[in-house]
């Protein structure tokens, strides 16, 4: 097992890591969602939640990689956090993802058929946003805040991180945002969350694998 993995497991869900700055960060996330709800921007709210739910799904299978290899997950966040939720997900990151989905859909043009540089705008922003996110992850990796162990999931081999790490978040949240019916948006979000929390129940609570 790698040093980063051992360190992450040592502080995993340890309440002694708590720092007070988490409270205002959480309130900021609540304020952003409350503001969108006040304006009845339900498409934005549900797209944001779907983005967060997609990230949680990735974090769950990433934790299982450590369980099955007994060496390392694809990514690990071993230090500098007020609370480590999963080996690759700290409280700061999950609060960030709760906001990031809202930011990304707010960048979308109102006209779904508009093209940017000849590319349908939803795909253009899905790809460019994913590349930007991975660029930030590279910086975090260089700062040793985010640890990558495997060569195929590491700089400069970042294509898989773009395709599996971020592009699905963008595509699904944009898809939810563009749905015509609110009921369809709610159903999609509930399905994502149901899969996530079923996995948490099975692999976390029952099997204690993550």
C-alpha atoms as a PDB file:
ATOM      1  CA  UNK A   1       0.000   0.000   0.000  1.00  0.00           C
ATOM      2  CA  UNK A   2       1.316   3.440  -0.903  1.00  0.00           C
ATOM      3  CA  UNK A   3       2.197   6.066   1.661  1.00  0.00           C
ATOM      4  CA  UNK A   4      -0.623   8.308   0.400  1.00  0.00           C
ATOM      5  CA  UNK A   5      -3.119   5.467   0.832  1.00  0.00           C
ATOM      6  CA  UNK A   6      -1.963   4.752   4.378  1.00  0.00           C
ATOM      7  CA  UNK A   7      -2.142   8.419   5.270  1.00  0.00           C
ATOM      8  CA  UNK A   8      -5.642   8.740   3.791  1.00  0.00           C
ATOM      9  CA  UNK A   9      -6.888   5.695   5.688  1.00  0.00           C
ATOM     10  CA  UNK A  10      -5.357   7.036   8.903  1.00  0.00           C
ATOM     11  CA  UNK A  11      -7.518  10.187   8.763  1.00  0.00           C
ATOM     12  CA  UNK A  12     -10.544   8.721   6.964  1.00  0.00           C
ATOM     13  CA  UNK A  13     -13.717  10.139   8.529  1.00  0.00           C
ATOM     14  CA  UNK A  14     -11.745  11.257  11.582  1.00  0.00           C
ATOM     15  CA  UNK A  15     -13.708  14.024  13.346  1.00  0.00           C
ATOM     16  CA  UNK A  16     -10.510  15.262  14.957  1.00  0.00           C
ATOM     17  CA  UNK A  17      -9.554  16.743  11.584  1.00  0.00           C
ATOM     18  CA  UNK A  18     -12.424  19.261  11.817  1.00  0.00           C
ATOM     19  CA  UNK A  19     -11.684  22.935  11.139  1.00  0.00           C
ATOM     20  CA  UNK A  20     -14.167  25.776  11.525  1.00  0.00           C
ATOM     21  CA  UNK A  21     -13.821  27.102   7.993  1.00  0.00           C
ATOM     22  CA  UNK A  22     -16.014  24.220   6.798  1.00  0.00           C
ATOM     23  CA  UNK A  23     -19.067  25.867   8.377  1.00  0.00           C
ATOM     24  CA  UNK A  24     -18.984  29.095   6.312  1.00  0.00           C
ATOM     25  CA  UNK A  25     -18.122  27.079   3.182  1.00  0.00           C
ATOM     26  CA  UNK A  26     -21.229  24.969   3.754  1.00  0.00           C
ATOM     27  CA  UNK A  27     -23.356  28.083   4.294  1.00  0.00           C
ATOM     28  CA  UNK A  28     -22.031  29.552   1.029  1.00  0.00           C
ATOM     29  CA  UNK A  29     -23.174  26.431  -0.828  1.00  0.00           C
ATOM     30  CA  UNK A  30     -26.584  26.683   0.847  1.00  0.00           C
ATOM     31  CA  UNK A  31     -26.830  30.362  -0.099  1.00  0.00           C
ATOM     32  CA  UNK A  32     -26.071  29.636  -3.756  1.00  0.00           C
ATOM     33  CA  UNK A  33     -28.767  26.957  -3.926  1.00  0.00           C
ATOM     34  CA  UNK A  34     -31.237  29.077  -1.945  1.00  0.00           C
ATOM     35  CA  UNK A  35     -30.663  31.954  -4.349  1.00  0.00           C
ATOM     36  CA  UNK A  36     -31.410  29.754  -7.368  1.00  0.00           C
ATOM     37  CA  UNK A  37     -34.477  28.291  -5.659  1.00  0.00           C
ATOM     38  CA  UNK A  38     -35.773  31.762  -4.792  1.00  0.00           C
ATOM     39  CA  UNK A  39     -35.581  32.609  -8.493  1.00  0.00           C
ATOM     40  CA  UNK A  40     -37.255  29.275  -9.302  1.00  0.00           C
ATOM     41  CA  UNK A  41     -34.285  28.224 -11.431  1.00  0.00           C
ATOM     42  CA  UNK A  42     -35.107  24.568 -10.874  1.00  0.00           C
ATOM     43  CA  UNK A  43     -33.201  23.465 -13.963  1.00  0.00           C
ATOM     44  CA  UNK A  44     -30.020  25.003 -12.543  1.00  0.00           C
ATOM     45  CA  UNK A  45     -30.605  23.499  -9.084  1.00  0.00           C
ATOM     46  CA  UNK A  46     -31.233  20.001 -10.419  1.00  0.00           C
ATOM     47  CA  UNK A  47     -28.333  20.183 -12.849  1.00  0.00           C
ATOM     48  CA  UNK A  48     -26.072  21.179  -9.952  1.00  0.00           C
ATOM     49  CA  UNK A  49     -27.256  18.257  -7.836  1.00  0.00           C
ATOM     50  CA  UNK A  50     -26.843  15.829 -10.738  1.00  0.00           C
ATOM     51  CA  UNK A  51     -23.264  17.051 -11.248  1.00  0.00           C
ATOM     52  CA  UNK A  52     -22.518  16.487  -7.561  1.00  0.00           C
ATOM     53  CA  UNK A  53     -24.161  13.050  -7.692  1.00  0.00           C
ATOM     54  CA  UNK A  54     -22.068  12.021 -10.689  1.00  0.00           C
ATOM     55  CA  UNK A  55     -18.913  13.023  -8.849  1.00  0.00           C
ATOM     56  CA  UNK A  56     -19.974  11.016  -5.802  1.00  0.00           C
ATOM     57  CA  UNK A  57     -20.434   7.960  -8.039  1.00  0.00           C
ATOM     58  CA  UNK A  58     -16.868   8.358  -9.311  1.00  0.00           C
ATOM     59  CA  UNK A  59     -15.565   8.772  -5.782  1.00  0.00           C
ATOM     60  CA  UNK A  60     -17.246   5.530  -4.738  1.00  0.00           C
ATOM     61  CA  UNK A  61     -15.743   3.368  -7.465  1.00  0.00           C
ATOM     62  CA  UNK A  62     -12.386   5.059  -6.890  1.00  0.00           C
ATOM     63  CA  UNK A  63     -12.530   3.967  -3.241  1.00  0.00           C
ATOM     64  CA  UNK A  64     -13.270   0.421  -4.363  1.00  0.00           C
ATOM     65  CA  UNK A  65     -10.088   0.447  -6.455  1.00  0.00           C
ATOM     66  CA  UNK A  66      -8.096   0.758  -3.226  1.00  0.00           C
ATOM     67  CA  UNK A  67     -10.127  -2.023  -1.631  1.00  0.00           C
ATOM     68  CA  UNK A  68      -9.500  -4.411  -4.534  1.00  0.00           C
ATOM     69  CA  UNK A  69      -5.838  -3.557  -5.205  1.00  0.00           C
ATOM     70  CA  UNK A  70      -4.792  -2.981  -1.587  1.00  0.00           C
ATOM     71  CA  UNK A  71      -2.313  -0.514  -3.065  1.00  0.00           C
ATOM     72  CA  UNK A  72      -3.923   2.750  -4.152  1.00  0.00           C
ATOM     73  CA  UNK A  73      -7.030   4.342  -5.578  1.00  0.00           C
ATOM     74  CA  UNK A  74      -6.725   6.167  -8.897  1.00  0.00           C
ATOM     75  CA  UNK A  75      -6.674   9.437  -6.951  1.00  0.00           C
ATOM     76  CA  UNK A  76      -6.130  10.128  -3.263  1.00  0.00           C
ATOM     77  CA  UNK A  77      -6.488  13.270  -1.140  1.00  0.00           C
ATOM     78  CA  UNK A  78      -4.290  12.336   1.804  1.00  0.00           C
ATOM     79  CA  UNK A  79      -3.775  15.609   3.642  1.00  0.00           C
ATOM     80  CA  UNK A  80      -4.768  19.216   4.287  1.00  0.00           C
ATOM     81  CA  UNK A  81      -8.456  18.604   4.860  1.00  0.00           C
ATOM     82  CA  UNK A  82     -10.924  19.291   7.626  1.00  0.00           C
ATOM     83  CA  UNK A  83     -12.670  15.978   6.947  1.00  0.00           C
ATOM     84  CA  UNK A  84     -11.839  13.119   4.576  1.00  0.00           C
ATOM     85  CA  UNK A  85     -15.102  11.517   3.419  1.00  0.00           C
ATOM     86  CA  UNK A  86     -13.580   8.900   1.087  1.00  0.00           C
ATOM     87  CA  UNK A  87      -9.924   8.285   0.235  1.00  0.00           C
ATOM     88  CA  UNK A  88     -10.222  10.518  -2.819  1.00  0.00           C
ATOM     89  CA  UNK A  89     -12.866  12.935  -1.567  1.00  0.00           C
ATOM     90  CA  UNK A  90     -12.557  15.518   1.168  1.00  0.00           C
ATOM     91  CA  UNK A  91     -15.210  17.879   2.494  1.00  0.00           C
ATOM     92  CA  UNK A  92     -13.720  20.846   0.640  1.00  0.00           C
ATOM     93  CA  UNK A  93     -13.819  19.014  -2.690  1.00  0.00           C
ATOM     94  CA  UNK A  94     -17.410  17.832  -2.320  1.00  0.00           C
ATOM     95  CA  UNK A  95     -18.589  21.357  -1.450  1.00  0.00           C
ATOM     96  CA  UNK A  96     -16.737  22.637  -4.501  1.00  0.00           C
ATOM     97  CA  UNK A  97     -18.441  20.087  -6.764  1.00  0.00           C
ATOM     98  CA  UNK A  98     -21.819  21.084  -5.341  1.00  0.00           C
ATOM     99  CA  UNK A  99     -21.187  24.577  -6.743  1.00  0.00           C
ATOM    100  CA  UNK A 100     -19.265  23.705  -9.896  1.00  0.00           C
ATOM    101  CA  UNK A 101     -22.236  22.098 -11.625  1.00  0.00           C
ATOM    102  CA  UNK A 102     -24.225  25.303 -11.227  1.00  0.00           C
ATOM    103  CA  UNK A 103     -21.349  27.362 -12.607  1.00  0.00           C
ATOM    104  CA  UNK A 104     -21.002  25.125 -15.666  1.00  0.00           C
ATOM    105  CA  UNK A 105     -24.674  25.218 -16.679  1.00  0.00           C
ATOM    106  CA  UNK A 106     -24.787  28.979 -16.190  1.00  0.00           C
ATOM    107  CA  UNK A 107     -22.124  29.275 -18.889  1.00  0.00           C
ATOM    108  CA  UNK A 108     -24.372  27.510 -21.399  1.00  0.00           C
ATOM    109  CA  UNK A 109     -25.996  29.590 -24.155  1.00  0.00           C
ATOM    110  CA  UNK A 110     -29.795  29.700 -24.016  1.00  0.00           C
ATOM    111  CA  UNK A 111     -29.956  28.460 -27.602  1.00  0.00           C
ATOM    112  CA  UNK A 112     -29.263  24.721 -27.453  1.00  0.00           C
ATOM    113  CA  UNK A 113     -28.668  24.625 -31.230  1.00  0.00           C
ATOM    114  CA  UNK A 114     -25.991  27.339 -31.256  1.00  0.00           C
ATOM    115  CA  UNK A 115     -22.591  26.168 -32.434  1.00  0.00           C
ATOM    116  CA  UNK A 116     -19.227  27.351 -31.127  1.00  0.00           C
ATOM    117  CA  UNK A 117     -16.361  26.979 -33.608  1.00  0.00           C
ATOM    118  CA  UNK A 118     -18.634  24.676 -35.582  1.00  0.00           C
ATOM    119  CA  UNK A 119     -19.273  22.413 -32.562  1.00  0.00           C
ATOM    120  CA  UNK A 120     -22.670  22.058 -30.833  1.00  0.00           C
ATOM    121  CA  UNK A 121     -22.317  24.314 -27.808  1.00  0.00           C
ATOM    122  CA  UNK A 122     -23.225  21.658 -25.233  1.00  0.00           C
ATOM    123  CA  UNK A 123     -20.381  19.429 -26.422  1.00  0.00           C
ATOM    124  CA  UNK A 124     -18.018  22.381 -26.773  1.00  0.00           C
ATOM    125  CA  UNK A 125     -18.539  23.443 -23.166  1.00  0.00           C
ATOM    126  CA  UNK A 126     -18.557  19.861 -21.877  1.00  0.00           C
ATOM    127  CA  UNK A 127     -15.129  19.216 -23.385  1.00  0.00           C
ATOM    128  CA  UNK A 128     -13.546  22.605 -22.640  1.00  0.00           C
ATOM    129  CA  UNK A 129     -14.833  22.598 -19.048  1.00  0.00           C
ATOM    130  CA  UNK A 130     -13.469  19.081 -18.565  1.00  0.00           C
ATOM    131  CA  UNK A 131     -10.061  20.105 -19.887  1.00  0.00           C
ATOM    132  CA  UNK A 132     -10.032  23.139 -17.579  1.00  0.00           C
ATOM    133  CA  UNK A 133     -10.921  20.983 -14.573  1.00  0.00           C
ATOM    134  CA  UNK A 134      -8.166  18.499 -15.356  1.00  0.00           C
ATOM    135  CA  UNK A 135      -5.682  21.367 -15.768  1.00  0.00           C
ATOM    136  CA  UNK A 136      -6.562  22.435 -12.208  1.00  0.00           C
ATOM    137  CA  UNK A 137      -6.144  18.841 -11.042  1.00  0.00           C
ATOM    138  CA  UNK A 138      -2.667  18.767 -12.587  1.00  0.00           C
ATOM    139  CA  UNK A 139      -1.777  21.827 -10.510  1.00  0.00           C
ATOM    140  CA  UNK A 140      -3.166  20.146  -7.394  1.00  0.00           C
ATOM    141  CA  UNK A 141      -1.153  17.042  -8.201  1.00  0.00           C
ATOM    142  CA  UNK A 142       2.000  19.092  -8.608  1.00  0.00           C
ATOM    143  CA  UNK A 143       1.291  20.638  -5.183  1.00  0.00           C
ATOM    144  CA  UNK A 144       0.940  17.080  -3.746  1.00  0.00           C
ATOM    145  CA  UNK A 145      -2.614  17.839  -2.595  1.00  0.00           C
ATOM    146  CA  UNK A 146      -3.991  15.278  -5.046  1.00  0.00           C
ATOM    147  CA  UNK A 147      -2.005  12.068  -5.491  1.00  0.00           C
ATOM    148  CA  UNK A 148      -2.054   9.965  -8.674  1.00  0.00           C
ATOM    149  CA  UNK A 149      -0.379   6.559  -8.437  1.00  0.00           C
ATOM    150  CA  UNK A 150      -0.979   4.869 -11.795  1.00  0.00           C
ATOM    151  CA  UNK A 151       0.731   5.927 -15.028  1.00  0.00           C
ATOM    152  CA  UNK A 152      -2.470   5.745 -17.100  1.00  0.00           C
ATOM    153  CA  UNK A 153      -4.154   8.154 -14.657  1.00  0.00           C
ATOM    154  CA  UNK A 154      -1.353  10.647 -14.273  1.00  0.00           C
ATOM    155  CA  UNK A 155       0.323  13.554 -16.021  1.00  0.00           C
ATOM    156  CA  UNK A 156       0.912  13.683 -18.978  1.00  0.00           C
ATOM    157  CA  UNK A 157      -1.554  10.848 -19.619  1.00  0.00           C
ATOM    158  CA  UNK A 158      -4.619  12.920 -18.745  1.00  0.00           C
ATOM    159  CA  UNK A 159      -6.996  11.839 -21.536  1.00  0.00           C
ATOM    160  CA  UNK A 160      -8.620   9.163 -19.367  1.00  0.00           C
ATOM    161  CA  UNK A 161      -9.088  11.694 -16.557  1.00  0.00           C
ATOM    162  CA  UNK A 162     -10.880  13.986 -18.997  1.00  0.00           C
ATOM    163  CA  UNK A 163     -13.058  11.233 -20.490  1.00  0.00           C
ATOM    164  CA  UNK A 164     -13.908   9.307 -17.313  1.00  0.00           C
ATOM    165  CA  UNK A 165     -13.244  11.882 -14.639  1.00  0.00           C
ATOM    166  CA  UNK A 166     -15.112  14.956 -15.823  1.00  0.00           C
ATOM    167  CA  UNK A 167     -16.823  14.609 -19.178  1.00  0.00           C
ATOM    168  CA  UNK A 168     -19.642  12.400 -17.784  1.00  0.00           C
ATOM    169  CA  UNK A 169     -20.361  15.043 -15.095  1.00  0.00           C
ATOM    170  CA  UNK A 170     -20.727  17.716 -17.755  1.00  0.00           C
ATOM    171  CA  UNK A 171     -22.775  15.621 -20.168  1.00  0.00           C
ATOM    172  CA  UNK A 172     -25.242  14.379 -17.544  1.00  0.00           C
ATOM    173  CA  UNK A 173     -25.720  17.770 -15.865  1.00  0.00           C
ATOM    174  CA  UNK A 174     -26.257  19.467 -19.251  1.00  0.00           C
ATOM    175  CA  UNK A 175     -28.692  16.710 -20.198  1.00  0.00           C
ATOM    176  CA  UNK A 176     -30.665  17.237 -16.989  1.00  0.00           C
ATOM    177  CA  UNK A 177     -30.564  21.016 -17.484  1.00  0.00           C
ATOM    178  CA  UNK A 178     -31.981  20.722 -21.022  1.00  0.00           C
ATOM    179  CA  UNK A 179     -34.816  18.320 -20.214  1.00  0.00           C
ATOM    180  CA  UNK A 180     -38.204  19.771 -21.065  1.00  0.00           C
ATOM    181  CA  UNK A 181     -40.124  18.576 -18.008  1.00  0.00           C
ATOM    182  CA  UNK A 182     -39.238  19.241 -14.367  1.00  0.00           C
ATOM    183  CA  UNK A 183     -40.570  15.789 -13.500  1.00  0.00           C
ATOM    184  CA  UNK A 184     -38.024  14.235 -15.861  1.00  0.00           C
ATOM    185  CA  UNK A 185     -35.222  16.263 -14.282  1.00  0.00           C
ATOM    186  CA  UNK A 186     -36.271  15.180 -10.790  1.00  0.00           C
ATOM    187  CA  UNK A 187     -36.492  11.531 -11.888  1.00  0.00           C
ATOM    188  CA  UNK A 188     -32.977  11.668 -13.366  1.00  0.00           C
ATOM    189  CA  UNK A 189     -31.512  13.251 -10.226  1.00  0.00           C
ATOM    190  CA  UNK A 190     -33.290  10.793  -7.941  1.00  0.00           C
ATOM    191  CA  UNK A 191     -31.953   7.882  -9.994  1.00  0.00           C
ATOM    192  CA  UNK A 192     -28.377   9.153  -9.690  1.00  0.00           C
ATOM    193  CA  UNK A 193     -28.711   9.693  -5.948  1.00  0.00           C
ATOM    194  CA  UNK A 194     -30.411   6.311  -5.474  1.00  0.00           C
ATOM    195  CA  UNK A 195     -27.458   4.561  -7.123  1.00  0.00           C
ATOM    196  CA  UNK A 196     -24.998   6.560  -5.009  1.00  0.00           C
ATOM    197  CA  UNK A 197     -26.657   5.943  -1.679  1.00  0.00           C
ATOM    198  CA  UNK A 198     -27.332   2.278  -2.463  1.00  0.00           C
ATOM    199  CA  UNK A 199     -23.600   1.889  -3.113  1.00  0.00           C
ATOM    200  CA  UNK A 200     -22.779   3.707   0.136  1.00  0.00           C
ATOM    201  CA  UNK A 201     -25.134   1.389   2.028  1.00  0.00           C
ATOM    202  CA  UNK A 202     -23.712  -1.767   0.443  1.00  0.00           C
ATOM    203  CA  UNK A 203     -19.997  -1.002   0.191  1.00  0.00           C
ATOM    204  CA  UNK A 204     -19.724   1.373   3.127  1.00  0.00           C
ATOM    205  CA  UNK A 205     -22.186   0.378   5.824  1.00  0.00           C
ATOM    206  CA  UNK A 206     -22.637  -3.350   5.146  1.00  0.00           C
ATOM    207  CA  UNK A 207     -19.294  -4.462   3.683  1.00  0.00           C
ATOM    208  CA  UNK A 208     -17.120  -1.689   5.138  1.00  0.00           C
ATOM    209  CA  UNK A 209     -15.049  -1.548   1.937  1.00  0.00           C
ATOM    210  CA  UNK A 210     -14.908   2.208   1.485  1.00  0.00           C
END
